[in-house]
Amino acid sequence: MGVGGGAERHREGHEKLESEASSPREEDEEGRRGAGGEGDATADRDEEDDLDRDVALKKVREREREKVKRQMQLGKNYEYFTGNTVFCWGGRLQNARDRPINIATGILVLAPAGLFFGFSAPWLWRNISPAIPIVFAYIFCVCMSSYFHASVTDPGILPRNLHPFPPPNPREDPLTPGPATTEWTMVISATSPSAAMEVPTKYCKSCNIWRPPRAHHCRVCDNCIETQDHHCVWLNNCVGRRNYRFFFAFVAAATILGLMLFGCSLAQLLVWQRQRRQPGGGGPGFGDALDANRVPFALMIFAVLGTPYPASLLAYHLFLLGRAETTREYLNSHKFAR
């Protein structure tokens, strides 16, 4: 009994020691499992943070790319224009930012032409010849087309800021003379001595460019115009190299239109009077013809009052074409007289 009891006590003690030894191992395993779970959660959170950072970086890069694209996609030239000019239809049409007298000019052409087509053209078609209204309509179309082109076409505006003056150097003497910007400067136009010639040119402080020969700065448009003739208030636009032909065609067509308006109205009055003349010599007089044809009479008066102005302009520009000069050059020719 003593030996058996001792063995049992020894076995119980051994089991107790094993249980005590195994409990720390189980606790260590449980701790390791808990630590592993926490590590996995931390790793998951780190991965999520990395993904969030990657997404944020991608968004920032996309915004930067879009910003660069917007900066690279420059607008059209007229969107950055600083002159006194209004642009329409995507920069295709332009006019001075001034009083729109050109609208009144168009009305002065449209109103008498409308009265002619409404009252005189049908009578002339039936009683004299269909060719008269047809020719009048053709000249009218030429007049309106040239008027529109001369009014809204670019006259030859030169680009700005091509030759900006550099800022003064603080190391240089401030009294050192530079190129003249207020007077005309003679420039050699070629390097070859045989072909070289002196050409007058001037610096425009408003446009920051050296103006080429025959170019001038318009105070109304605030632009340098290539081969500027003049600023036409009736077109509210400058007349220069690119629209001078339209201006000349408009003046010529308006003159012919005024002469035709006067001649056709007078012919209508005379033919109306002759048609009603009796064989014995009696019949309505010229006053009766005026009373019966008031619209042609009014058109005739309008032609008498309105035709001299475009006719004088036409004669003057024919004179300038013969001299190969512009209006500015003719008026300022004394400045370069030797």
C-alpha atoms as a PDB file:
ATOM      1  CA  MET A   1       0.000   0.000   0.000  1.00  0.00           C
ATOM      2  CA  GLY A   2       2.796   2.338   0.792  1.00  0.00           C
ATOM      3  CA  VAL A   3       4.561   1.636  -2.453  1.00  0.00           C
ATOM      4  CA  GLY A   4       1.327   1.904  -4.450  1.00  0.00           C
ATOM      5  CA  GLY A   5       0.364   5.097  -2.733  1.00  0.00           C
ATOM      6  CA  GLY A   6       3.815   6.533  -3.347  1.00  0.00           C
ATOM      7  CA  ALA A   7       3.618   5.634  -7.006  1.00  0.00           C
ATOM      8  CA  GLU A   8       0.253   7.257  -7.294  1.00  0.00           C
ATOM      9  CA  ARG A   9       1.493  10.338  -5.513  1.00  0.00           C
ATOM     10  CA  HIS A  10       4.514  10.384  -7.808  1.00  0.00           C
ATOM     11  CA  ARG A  11       2.294  10.018 -10.887  1.00  0.00           C
ATOM     12  CA  GLU A  12      -0.021  12.798  -9.708  1.00  0.00           C
ATOM     13  CA  GLY A  13       2.956  15.057  -9.085  1.00  0.00           C
ATOM     14  CA  HIS A  14       4.349  14.288 -12.511  1.00  0.00           C
ATOM     15  CA  GLU A  15       0.992  15.083 -14.169  1.00  0.00           C
ATOM     16  CA  LYS A  16       0.784  18.268 -12.162  1.00  0.00           C
ATOM     17  CA  LEU A  17       4.235  19.294 -13.326  1.00  0.00           C
ATOM     18  CA  GLU A  18       3.329  18.470 -16.940  1.00  0.00           C
ATOM     19  CA  SER A  19       0.109  20.478 -16.684  1.00  0.00           C
ATOM     20  CA  GLU A  20       2.002  23.400 -15.209  1.00  0.00           C
ATOM     21  CA  ALA A  21       4.615  23.154 -17.963  1.00  0.00           C
ATOM     22  CA  SER A  22       2.045  22.874 -20.738  1.00  0.00           C
ATOM     23  CA  SER A  23      -0.028  25.856 -19.597  1.00  0.00           C
ATOM     24  CA  PRO A  24       2.728  28.424 -20.356  1.00  0.00           C
ATOM     25  CA  ARG A  25       3.229  26.820 -23.748  1.00  0.00           C
ATOM     26  CA  GLU A  26      -0.472  27.126 -24.484  1.00  0.00           C
ATOM     27  CA  GLU A  27      -0.430  30.710 -23.301  1.00  0.00           C
ATOM     28  CA  ASP A  28       2.572  31.402 -25.536  1.00  0.00           C
ATOM     29  CA  GLU A  29       0.794  29.825 -28.488  1.00  0.00           C
ATOM     30  CA  GLU A  30      -2.350  31.807 -27.778  1.00  0.00           C
ATOM     31  CA  GLY A  31      -0.229  34.973 -27.432  1.00  0.00           C
ATOM     32  CA  ARG A  32       1.511  34.202 -30.688  1.00  0.00           C
ATOM     33  CA  ARG A  33      -1.833  33.590 -32.353  1.00  0.00           C
ATOM     34  CA  GLY A  34      -3.156  36.904 -30.962  1.00  0.00           C
ATOM     35  CA  ALA A  35      -0.034  38.740 -32.012  1.00  0.00           C
ATOM     36  CA  GLY A  36      -0.303  37.188 -35.458  1.00  0.00           C
ATOM     37  CA  GLY A  37      -3.924  38.336 -35.751  1.00  0.00           C
ATOM     38  CA  GLU A  38      -3.027  41.831 -34.732  1.00  0.00           C
ATOM     39  CA  GLY A  39      -0.130  41.819 -37.204  1.00  0.00           C
ATOM     40  CA  ASP A  40      -2.435  40.671 -39.989  1.00  0.00           C
ATOM     41  CA  ALA A  41      -4.895  43.461 -39.162  1.00  0.00           C
ATOM     42  CA  THR A  42      -2.076  45.994 -39.120  1.00  0.00           C
ATOM     43  CA  ALA A  43      -0.802  44.714 -42.456  1.00  0.00           C
ATOM     44  CA  ASP A  44      -4.311  44.979 -43.919  1.00  0.00           C
ATOM     45  CA  ARG A  45      -4.595  48.530 -42.671  1.00  0.00           C
ATOM     46  CA  ASP A  46      -1.185  49.360 -44.143  1.00  0.00           C
ATOM     47  CA  GLU A  47      -2.237  47.906 -47.483  1.00  0.00           C
ATOM     48  CA  GLU A  48      -5.437  49.950 -47.425  1.00  0.00           C
ATOM     49  CA  ASP A  49      -3.445  53.085 -46.581  1.00  0.00           C
ATOM     50  CA  ASP A  50      -1.064  52.349 -49.435  1.00  0.00           C
ATOM     51  CA  LEU A  51      -3.985  51.912 -51.814  1.00  0.00           C
ATOM     52  CA  ASP A  52      -5.533  55.179 -50.648  1.00  0.00           C
ATOM     53  CA  ARG A  53      -2.221  56.956 -51.153  1.00  0.00           C
ATOM     54  CA  ASP A  54      -1.858  55.464 -54.629  1.00  0.00           C
ATOM     55  CA  VAL A  55      -5.375  56.561 -55.566  1.00  0.00           C
ATOM     56  CA  ALA A  56      -4.723  60.058 -54.216  1.00  0.00           C
ATOM     57  CA  LEU A  57      -1.425  60.277 -56.112  1.00  0.00           C
ATOM     58  CA  LYS A  58      -3.146  59.141 -59.311  1.00  0.00           C
ATOM     59  CA  LYS A  59      -5.799  61.808 -58.902  1.00  0.00           C
ATOM     60  CA  VAL A  60      -3.164  64.483 -58.284  1.00  0.00           C
ATOM     61  CA  ARG A  61      -1.216  63.380 -61.347  1.00  0.00           C
ATOM     62  CA  GLU A  62      -4.372  63.379 -63.474  1.00  0.00           C
ATOM     63  CA  ARG A  63      -5.189  66.896 -62.329  1.00  0.00           C
ATOM     64  CA  GLU A  64      -1.648  67.998 -63.130  1.00  0.00           C
ATOM     65  CA  ARG A  65      -1.885  66.415 -66.592  1.00  0.00           C
ATOM     66  CA  GLU A  66      -5.202  68.163 -67.248  1.00  0.00           C
ATOM     67  CA  LYS A  67      -3.713  71.455 -66.095  1.00  0.00           C
ATOM     68  CA  VAL A  68      -0.744  71.030 -68.428  1.00  0.00           C
ATOM     69  CA  LYS A  69      -3.082  70.136 -71.301  1.00  0.00           C
ATOM     70  CA  ARG A  70      -5.155  73.258 -70.670  1.00  0.00           C
ATOM     71  CA  GLN A  71      -2.009  75.348 -70.621  1.00  0.00           C
ATOM     72  CA  MET A  72      -0.785  73.762 -73.837  1.00  0.00           C
ATOM     73  CA  GLN A  73      -4.132  74.228 -75.582  1.00  0.00           C
ATOM     74  CA  LEU A  74      -3.763  77.944 -76.298  1.00  0.00           C
ATOM     75  CA  GLY A  75      -6.716  79.890 -77.622  1.00  0.00           C
ATOM     76  CA  LYS A  76      -6.930  81.780 -80.884  1.00  0.00           C
ATOM     77  CA  ASN A  77      -5.088  85.020 -81.457  1.00  0.00           C
ATOM     78  CA  TYR A  78      -8.161  87.225 -81.263  1.00  0.00           C
ATOM     79  CA  GLU A  79      -8.906  85.952 -77.734  1.00  0.00           C
ATOM     80  CA  TYR A  80      -5.703  87.608 -76.498  1.00  0.00           C
ATOM     81  CA  PHE A  81      -6.085  90.770 -78.580  1.00  0.00           C
ATOM     82  CA  THR A  82      -5.871  94.021 -76.628  1.00  0.00           C
ATOM     83  CA  GLY A  83      -6.694  96.534 -79.357  1.00  0.00           C
ATOM     84  CA  ASN A  84      -9.897  98.505 -79.742  1.00  0.00           C
ATOM     85  CA  THR A  85     -11.497  95.865 -81.949  1.00  0.00           C
ATOM     86  CA  VAL A  86     -14.582  93.665 -81.581  1.00  0.00           C
ATOM     87  CA  PHE A  87     -14.419  90.139 -83.034  1.00  0.00           C
ATOM     88  CA  CYS A  88     -17.396  87.990 -84.026  1.00  0.00           C
ATOM     89  CA  TRP A  89     -18.011  84.511 -85.396  1.00  0.00           C
ATOM     90  CA  GLY A  90     -14.853  82.971 -83.968  1.00  0.00           C
ATOM     91  CA  GLY A  91     -12.625  85.849 -85.053  1.00  0.00           C
ATOM     92  CA  ARG A  92     -13.719  85.738 -88.698  1.00  0.00           C
ATOM     93  CA  LEU A  93     -15.446  89.129 -88.528  1.00  0.00           C
ATOM     94  CA  GLN A  94     -14.105  92.228 -86.820  1.00  0.00           C
ATOM     95  CA  ASN A  95     -15.030  95.872 -86.425  1.00  0.00           C
ATOM     96  CA  ALA A  96     -13.807  98.808 -84.413  1.00  0.00           C
ATOM     97  CA  ARG A  97     -15.126  99.227 -80.889  1.00  0.00           C
ATOM     98  CA  ASP A  98     -16.512 102.633 -81.753  1.00  0.00           C
ATOM     99  CA  ARG A  99     -19.777 104.192 -82.850  1.00  0.00           C
ATOM    100  CA  PRO A 100     -21.366 101.727 -85.293  1.00  0.00           C
ATOM    101  CA  ILE A 101     -21.998 104.270 -88.042  1.00  0.00           C
ATOM    102  CA  ASN A 102     -21.521 101.475 -90.568  1.00  0.00           C
ATOM    103  CA  ILE A 103     -25.052 100.314 -89.711  1.00  0.00           C
ATOM    104  CA  ALA A 104     -26.389 103.690 -90.843  1.00  0.00           C
ATOM    105  CA  THR A 105     -24.320 103.378 -94.021  1.00  0.00           C
ATOM    106  CA  GLY A 106     -25.941 100.040 -94.792  1.00  0.00           C
ATOM    107  CA  ILE A 107     -29.400 101.513 -94.180  1.00  0.00           C
ATOM    108  CA  LEU A 108     -28.637 104.411 -96.540  1.00  0.00           C
ATOM    109  CA  VAL A 109     -27.942 101.863 -99.268  1.00  0.00           C
ATOM    110  CA  LEU A 110     -30.744  99.426 -98.464  1.00  0.00           C
ATOM    111  CA  ALA A 111     -33.583 101.943 -98.072  1.00  0.00           C
ATOM    112  CA  PRO A 112     -33.485 103.553-101.555  1.00  0.00           C
ATOM    113  CA  ALA A 113     -32.759 100.191-103.182  1.00  0.00           C
ATOM    114  CA  GLY A 114     -35.795  98.674-101.467  1.00  0.00           C
ATOM    115  CA  LEU A 115     -38.009 101.531-102.648  1.00  0.00           C
ATOM    116  CA  PHE A 116     -36.653 101.154-106.167  1.00  0.00           C
ATOM    117  CA  PHE A 117     -37.364  97.407-106.267  1.00  0.00           C
ATOM    118  CA  GLY A 118     -40.809  97.940-104.759  1.00  0.00           C
ATOM    119  CA  PHE A 119     -42.073 100.849-106.872  1.00  0.00           C
ATOM    120  CA  SER A 120     -39.841 101.617-109.866  1.00  0.00           C
ATOM    121  CA  ALA A 121     -38.467  98.241-110.965  1.00  0.00           C
ATOM    122  CA  PRO A 122     -41.859  96.656-111.929  1.00  0.00           C
ATOM    123  CA  TRP A 123     -42.842  99.719-113.968  1.00  0.00           C
ATOM    124  CA  LEU A 124     -39.460  99.906-115.709  1.00  0.00           C
ATOM    125  CA  TRP A 125     -39.621  96.158-116.441  1.00  0.00           C
ATOM    126  CA  ARG A 126     -42.979  96.512-118.204  1.00  0.00           C
ATOM    127  CA  ASN A 127     -42.639  99.884-119.897  1.00  0.00           C
ATOM    128  CA  ILE A 128     -38.962 100.345-120.778  1.00  0.00           C
ATOM    129  CA  SER A 129     -36.769  97.214-120.523  1.00  0.00           C
ATOM    130  CA  PRO A 130     -36.257  94.276-118.151  1.00  0.00           C
ATOM    131  CA  ALA A 131     -32.507  94.867-118.416  1.00  0.00           C
ATOM    132  CA  ILE A 132     -32.688  97.988-116.245  1.00  0.00           C
ATOM    133  CA  PRO A 133     -33.882  96.267-113.027  1.00  0.00           C
ATOM    134  CA  ILE A 134     -31.513  93.334-113.682  1.00  0.00           C
ATOM    135  CA  VAL A 135     -28.450  95.570-114.042  1.00  0.00           C
ATOM    136  CA  PHE A 136     -29.529  97.606-111.029  1.00  0.00           C
ATOM    137  CA  ALA A 137     -29.898  94.418-108.962  1.00  0.00           C
ATOM    138  CA  TYR A 138     -26.423  93.262-110.005  1.00  0.00           C
ATOM    139  CA  ILE A 139     -24.803  96.594-109.055  1.00  0.00           C
ATOM    140  CA  PHE A 140     -26.730  96.548-105.782  1.00  0.00           C
ATOM    141  CA  CYS A 141     -25.402  93.069-104.910  1.00  0.00           C
ATOM    142  CA  VAL A 142     -21.841  94.172-105.700  1.00  0.00           C
ATOM    143  CA  CYS A 143     -22.311  97.277-103.564  1.00  0.00           C
ATOM    144  CA  MET A 144     -23.658  95.416-100.531  1.00  0.00           C
ATOM    145  CA  SER A 145     -21.109  92.619-100.781  1.00  0.00           C
ATOM    146  CA  SER A 146     -18.171  95.022-100.996  1.00  0.00           C
ATOM    147  CA  TYR A 147     -19.651  97.134 -98.188  1.00  0.00           C
ATOM    148  CA  PHE A 148     -19.921  94.095 -95.924  1.00  0.00           C
ATOM    149  CA  HIS A 149     -16.400  92.883 -96.697  1.00  0.00           C
ATOM    150  CA  ALA A 150     -14.860  96.331 -96.289  1.00  0.00           C
ATOM    151  CA  SER A 151     -16.630  96.795 -92.960  1.00  0.00           C
ATOM    152  CA  VAL A 152     -15.820  93.470 -91.261  1.00  0.00           C
ATOM    153  CA  THR A 153     -12.623  92.283 -92.971  1.00  0.00           C
ATOM    154  CA  ASP A 154      -9.246  92.525 -91.284  1.00  0.00           C
ATOM    155  CA  PRO A 155      -7.593  95.609 -92.849  1.00  0.00           C
ATOM    156  CA  GLY A 156      -4.102  94.296 -92.125  1.00  0.00           C
ATOM    157  CA  ILE A 157      -3.655  94.408 -88.339  1.00  0.00           C
ATOM    158  CA  LEU A 158      -0.033  93.746 -87.400  1.00  0.00           C
ATOM    159  CA  PRO A 159       0.748  91.447 -84.443  1.00  0.00           C
ATOM    160  CA  ARG A 160       1.684  93.113 -81.173  1.00  0.00           C
ATOM    161  CA  ASN A 161       4.707  92.753 -78.884  1.00  0.00           C
ATOM    162  CA  LEU A 162       7.051  91.458 -81.555  1.00  0.00           C
ATOM    163  CA  HIS A 163       9.906  93.774 -80.552  1.00  0.00           C
ATOM    164  CA  PRO A 164       9.489  94.664 -76.862  1.00  0.00           C
ATOM    165  CA  PHE A 165      12.317  96.725 -75.450  1.00  0.00           C
ATOM    166  CA  PRO A 166      14.358  94.848 -72.815  1.00  0.00           C
ATOM    167  CA  PRO A 167      14.449  96.251 -69.279  1.00  0.00           C
ATOM    168  CA  PRO A 168      17.320  98.682 -68.659  1.00  0.00           C
ATOM    169  CA  ASN A 169      20.588  97.180 -67.456  1.00  0.00           C
ATOM    170  CA  PRO A 170      21.535  98.686 -64.074  1.00  0.00           C
ATOM    171  CA  ARG A 171      25.223  98.279 -64.926  1.00  0.00           C
ATOM    172  CA  GLU A 172      24.977 100.458 -68.015  1.00  0.00           C
ATOM    173  CA  ASP A 173      24.954 104.210 -68.127  1.00  0.00           C
ATOM    174  CA  PRO A 174      21.291 105.348 -68.074  1.00  0.00           C
ATOM    175  CA  LEU A 175      22.226 108.254 -70.353  1.00  0.00           C
ATOM    176  CA  THR A 176      23.407 105.926 -73.116  1.00  0.00           C
ATOM    177  CA  PRO A 177      21.351 106.805 -76.223  1.00  0.00           C
ATOM    178  CA  GLY A 178      19.267 104.001 -77.643  1.00  0.00           C
ATOM    179  CA  PRO A 179      17.307 103.700 -80.869  1.00  0.00           C
ATOM    180  CA  ALA A 180      14.930 106.552 -81.563  1.00  0.00           C
ATOM    181  CA  THR A 181      11.321 105.671 -80.838  1.00  0.00           C
ATOM    182  CA  THR A 182       9.655 109.036 -81.433  1.00  0.00           C
ATOM    183  CA  GLU A 183      11.130 109.949 -84.816  1.00  0.00           C
ATOM    184  CA  TRP A 184      11.470 108.212 -88.133  1.00  0.00           C
ATOM    185  CA  THR A 185      14.624 106.104 -88.437  1.00  0.00           C
ATOM    186  CA  MET A 186      16.340 105.269 -91.699  1.00  0.00           C
ATOM    187  CA  VAL A 187      17.110 101.551 -91.971  1.00  0.00           C
ATOM    188  CA  ILE A 188      19.181  99.787 -94.613  1.00  0.00           C
ATOM    189  CA  SER A 189      16.870  97.292 -96.302  1.00  0.00           C
ATOM    190  CA  ALA A 190      19.570  94.971 -97.736  1.00  0.00           C
ATOM    191  CA  THR A 191      23.070  93.809 -96.966  1.00  0.00           C
ATOM    192  CA  SER A 192      24.316  94.095-100.532  1.00  0.00           C
ATOM    193  CA  PRO A 193      25.637  97.610-101.260  1.00  0.00           C
ATOM    194  CA  SER A 194      24.215  97.535-104.771  1.00  0.00           C
ATOM    195  CA  ALA A 195      20.692  96.643-103.616  1.00  0.00           C
ATOM    196  CA  ALA A 196      20.680  98.530-100.320  1.00  0.00           C
ATOM    197  CA  MET A 197      18.358 101.483 -99.867  1.00  0.00           C
ATOM    198  CA  GLU A 198      17.267 103.581 -96.930  1.00  0.00           C
ATOM    199  CA  VAL A 199      13.750 102.840 -95.727  1.00  0.00           C
ATOM    200  CA  PRO A 200      12.013 105.015 -93.117  1.00  0.00           C
ATOM    201  CA  THR A 201      10.605 103.070 -90.181  1.00  0.00           C
ATOM    202  CA  LYS A 202       9.299 103.952 -86.750  1.00  0.00           C
ATOM    203  CA  TYR A 203       8.806 102.194 -83.425  1.00  0.00           C
ATOM    204  CA  CYS A 204       5.242 101.976 -82.102  1.00  0.00           C
ATOM    205  CA  LYS A 205       5.153 102.159 -78.317  1.00  0.00           C
ATOM    206  CA  SER A 206       1.519 101.050 -78.196  1.00  0.00           C
ATOM    207  CA  CYS A 207       2.053  97.840 -80.176  1.00  0.00           C
ATOM    208  CA  ASN A 208       5.739  97.306 -79.246  1.00  0.00           C
ATOM    209  CA  ILE A 209       6.822  96.687 -82.826  1.00  0.00           C
ATOM    210  CA  TRP A 210       8.984  98.321 -85.443  1.00  0.00           C
ATOM    211  CA  ARG A 211       6.408  99.199 -88.053  1.00  0.00           C
ATOM    212  CA  PRO A 212       7.211  98.116 -91.613  1.00  0.00           C
ATOM    213  CA  PRO A 213       7.165 100.740 -94.365  1.00  0.00           C
ATOM    214  CA  ARG A 214       3.727 102.225 -95.171  1.00  0.00           C
ATOM    215  CA  ALA A 215       2.248 100.915 -91.903  1.00  0.00           C
ATOM    216  CA  HIS A 216       0.625 103.345 -89.458  1.00  0.00           C
ATOM    217  CA  HIS A 217      -1.004 103.208 -86.043  1.00  0.00           C
ATOM    218  CA  CYS A 218      -4.715 104.048 -85.974  1.00  0.00           C
ATOM    219  CA  ARG A 219      -5.784 105.907 -82.855  1.00  0.00           C
ATOM    220  CA  VAL A 220      -9.410 104.830 -83.230  1.00  0.00           C
ATOM    221  CA  CYS A 221      -8.737 101.112 -83.716  1.00  0.00           C
ATOM    222  CA  ASP A 222      -5.587 101.202 -81.536  1.00  0.00           C
ATOM    223  CA  ASN A 223      -3.836  98.949 -84.057  1.00  0.00           C
ATOM    224  CA  CYS A 224      -0.924  99.184 -86.434  1.00  0.00           C
ATOM    225  CA  ILE A 225      -2.353  98.681 -89.930  1.00  0.00           C
ATOM    226  CA  GLU A 226      -0.286  97.439 -92.832  1.00  0.00           C
ATOM    227  CA  THR A 227      -0.379  99.930 -95.739  1.00  0.00           C
ATOM    228  CA  GLN A 228      -3.069 101.947 -94.003  1.00  0.00           C
ATOM    229  CA  ASP A 229      -4.990 104.326 -96.220  1.00  0.00           C
ATOM    230  CA  HIS A 230      -7.288 105.898 -93.624  1.00  0.00           C
ATOM    231  CA  HIS A 231      -9.855 105.100 -90.950  1.00  0.00           C
ATOM    232  CA  CYS A 232     -13.306 105.186 -92.541  1.00  0.00           C
ATOM    233  CA  VAL A 233     -16.003 106.332 -90.122  1.00  0.00           C
ATOM    234  CA  TRP A 234     -18.718 105.178 -92.543  1.00  0.00           C
ATOM    235  CA  LEU A 235     -17.415 101.619 -92.328  1.00  0.00           C
ATOM    236  CA  ASN A 236     -16.246 101.870 -88.690  1.00  0.00           C
ATOM    237  CA  ASN A 237     -13.085 100.148 -89.829  1.00  0.00           C
ATOM    238  CA  CYS A 238      -9.647 100.989 -91.094  1.00  0.00           C
ATOM    239  CA  VAL A 239      -8.924 100.755 -94.804  1.00  0.00           C
ATOM    240  CA  GLY A 240      -5.637  98.977 -95.342  1.00  0.00           C
ATOM    241  CA  ARG A 241      -3.864  96.443 -97.457  1.00  0.00           C
ATOM    242  CA  ARG A 242      -6.338  93.586 -96.981  1.00  0.00           C
ATOM    243  CA  ASN A 243      -9.625  95.425 -97.508  1.00  0.00           C
ATOM    244  CA  TYR A 244      -8.726  98.341 -99.768  1.00  0.00           C
ATOM    245  CA  ARG A 245     -10.079  96.527-102.845  1.00  0.00           C
ATOM    246  CA  PHE A 246     -13.423  96.040-101.100  1.00  0.00           C
ATOM    247  CA  PHE A 247     -13.506  99.709-100.118  1.00  0.00           C
ATOM    248  CA  PHE A 248     -12.755 100.823-103.674  1.00  0.00           C
ATOM    249  CA  ALA A 249     -15.383  98.449-105.083  1.00  0.00           C
ATOM    250  CA  PHE A 250     -17.930  99.756-102.579  1.00  0.00           C
ATOM    251  CA  VAL A 251     -17.272 103.392-103.481  1.00  0.00           C
ATOM    252  CA  ALA A 252     -17.413 102.636-107.205  1.00  0.00           C
ATOM    253  CA  ALA A 253     -20.586 100.541-106.917  1.00  0.00           C
ATOM    254  CA  ALA A 254     -22.273 103.165-104.723  1.00  0.00           C
ATOM    255  CA  THR A 255     -21.466 105.847-107.306  1.00  0.00           C
ATOM    256  CA  ILE A 256     -22.852 103.760-110.169  1.00  0.00           C
ATOM    257  CA  LEU A 257     -25.897 102.864-108.075  1.00  0.00           C
ATOM    258  CA  GLY A 258     -26.593 106.540-107.356  1.00  0.00           C
ATOM    259  CA  LEU A 259     -26.248 107.472-111.023  1.00  0.00           C
ATOM    260  CA  MET A 260     -28.554 104.635-112.053  1.00  0.00           C
ATOM    261  CA  LEU A 261     -31.069 105.622-109.387  1.00  0.00           C
ATOM    262  CA  PHE A 262     -31.159 109.170-110.700  1.00  0.00           C
ATOM    263  CA  GLY A 263     -31.282 108.137-114.353  1.00  0.00           C
ATOM    264  CA  CYS A 264     -33.960 105.460-113.912  1.00  0.00           C
ATOM    265  CA  SER A 265     -36.179 107.727-111.806  1.00  0.00           C
ATOM    266  CA  LEU A 266     -35.893 110.553-114.315  1.00  0.00           C
ATOM    267  CA  ALA A 267     -36.585 108.140-117.186  1.00  0.00           C
ATOM    268  CA  GLN A 268     -39.696 106.860-115.419  1.00  0.00           C
ATOM    269  CA  LEU A 269     -41.038 110.401-115.053  1.00  0.00           C
ATOM    270  CA  LEU A 270     -40.336 111.325-118.683  1.00  0.00           C
ATOM    271  CA  VAL A 271     -41.706 108.080-120.151  1.00  0.00           C
ATOM    272  CA  TRP A 272     -44.821 108.313-117.988  1.00  0.00           C
ATOM    273  CA  GLN A 273     -45.414 111.852-119.276  1.00  0.00           C
ATOM    274  CA  ARG A 274     -44.788 110.867-122.919  1.00  0.00           C
ATOM    275  CA  GLN A 275     -47.143 107.878-122.728  1.00  0.00           C
ATOM    276  CA  ARG A 276     -49.966 110.181-121.692  1.00  0.00           C
ATOM    277  CA  ARG A 277     -49.275 112.862-124.241  1.00  0.00           C
ATOM    278  CA  GLN A 278     -52.133 113.385-126.661  1.00  0.00           C
ATOM    279  CA  PRO A 279     -51.655 113.542-130.458  1.00  0.00           C
ATOM    280  CA  GLY A 280     -52.576 117.215-130.563  1.00  0.00           C
ATOM    281  CA  GLY A 281     -49.822 118.193-128.130  1.00  0.00           C
ATOM    282  CA  GLY A 282     -51.891 118.277-124.974  1.00  0.00           C
ATOM    283  CA  GLY A 283     -51.495 116.065-121.941  1.00  0.00           C
ATOM    284  CA  PRO A 284     -50.135 116.045-118.419  1.00  0.00           C
ATOM    285  CA  GLY A 285     -47.140 118.202-117.683  1.00  0.00           C
ATOM    286  CA  PHE A 286     -43.985 117.411-115.768  1.00  0.00           C
ATOM    287  CA  GLY A 287     -45.622 118.518-112.524  1.00  0.00           C
ATOM    288  CA  ASP A 288     -48.363 115.975-113.088  1.00  0.00           C
ATOM    289  CA  ALA A 289     -45.711 113.305-113.614  1.00  0.00           C
ATOM    290  CA  LEU A 290     -44.074 114.274-110.319  1.00  0.00           C
ATOM    291  CA  ASP A 291     -47.406 114.142-108.538  1.00  0.00           C
ATOM    292  CA  ALA A 292     -48.231 110.716-109.979  1.00  0.00           C
ATOM    293  CA  ASN A 293     -44.763 109.253-109.329  1.00  0.00           C
ATOM    294  CA  ARG A 294     -43.766 110.566-105.935  1.00  0.00           C
ATOM    295  CA  VAL A 295     -41.517 107.661-104.967  1.00  0.00           C
ATOM    296  CA  PRO A 296     -39.345 107.944-108.121  1.00  0.00           C
ATOM    297  CA  PHE A 297     -39.174 111.694-107.553  1.00  0.00           C
ATOM    298  CA  ALA A 298     -38.017 111.148-103.952  1.00  0.00           C
ATOM    299  CA  LEU A 299     -35.425 108.639-105.157  1.00  0.00           C
ATOM    300  CA  MET A 300     -34.184 111.140-107.704  1.00  0.00           C
ATOM    301  CA  ILE A 301     -33.725 113.782-104.979  1.00  0.00           C
ATOM    302  CA  PHE A 302     -31.947 111.254-102.785  1.00  0.00           C
ATOM    303  CA  ALA A 303     -29.599 110.399-105.651  1.00  0.00           C
ATOM    304  CA  VAL A 304     -28.850 114.077-106.281  1.00  0.00           C
ATOM    305  CA  LEU A 305     -27.969 114.591-102.615  1.00  0.00           C
ATOM    306  CA  GLY A 306     -26.162 111.315-101.968  1.00  0.00           C
ATOM    307  CA  THR A 307     -24.207 110.540-105.122  1.00  0.00           C
ATOM    308  CA  PRO A 308     -21.661 113.412-105.036  1.00  0.00           C
ATOM    309  CA  TYR A 309     -19.940 112.076-101.899  1.00  0.00           C
ATOM    310  CA  PRO A 310     -19.049 108.568-103.173  1.00  0.00           C
ATOM    311  CA  ALA A 311     -18.357 110.054-106.604  1.00  0.00           C
ATOM    312  CA  SER A 312     -15.812 112.481-105.153  1.00  0.00           C
ATOM    313  CA  LEU A 313     -14.227 109.656-103.134  1.00  0.00           C
ATOM    314  CA  LEU A 314     -14.000 107.541-106.284  1.00  0.00           C
ATOM    315  CA  ALA A 315     -12.316 110.354-108.206  1.00  0.00           C
ATOM    316  CA  TYR A 316      -9.896 111.019-105.332  1.00  0.00           C
ATOM    317  CA  HIS A 317      -8.873 107.370-105.020  1.00  0.00           C
ATOM    318  CA  LEU A 318      -8.449 107.061-108.767  1.00  0.00           C
ATOM    319  CA  PHE A 319      -6.044 109.987-108.447  1.00  0.00           C
ATOM    320  CA  LEU A 320      -4.213 108.217-105.588  1.00  0.00           C
ATOM    321  CA  LEU A 321      -4.008 104.974-107.569  1.00  0.00           C
ATOM    322  CA  GLY A 322      -2.417 106.903-110.408  1.00  0.00           C
ATOM    323  CA  ARG A 323       0.222 108.186-107.981  1.00  0.00           C
ATOM    324  CA  ALA A 324       0.608 104.777-106.236  1.00  0.00           C
ATOM    325  CA  GLU A 325       0.033 106.442-102.858  1.00  0.00           C
ATOM    326  CA  THR A 326      -2.306 106.067 -99.942  1.00  0.00           C
ATOM    327  CA  THR A 327      -4.289 108.884 -98.404  1.00  0.00           C
ATOM    328  CA  ARG A 328      -1.850 109.134 -95.490  1.00  0.00           C
ATOM    329  CA  GLU A 329       1.151 109.163 -97.783  1.00  0.00           C
ATOM    330  CA  TYR A 330      -0.337 111.877 -99.952  1.00  0.00           C
ATOM    331  CA  LEU A 331      -1.198 114.067 -96.956  1.00  0.00           C
ATOM    332  CA  ASN A 332       2.190 113.475 -95.280  1.00  0.00           C
ATOM    333  CA  SER A 333       4.338 113.486 -98.410  1.00  0.00           C
ATOM    334  CA  HIS A 334       5.923 116.811 -97.424  1.00  0.00           C
ATOM    335  CA  LYS A 335       7.644 115.141 -94.433  1.00  0.00           C
ATOM    336  CA  PHE A 336       9.987 113.176 -96.692  1.00  0.00           C
ATOM    337  CA  ALA A 337      10.467 115.811 -99.353  1.00  0.00           C
ATOM    338  CA  ARG A 338      14.175 116.388 -99.999  1.00  0.00           C
END
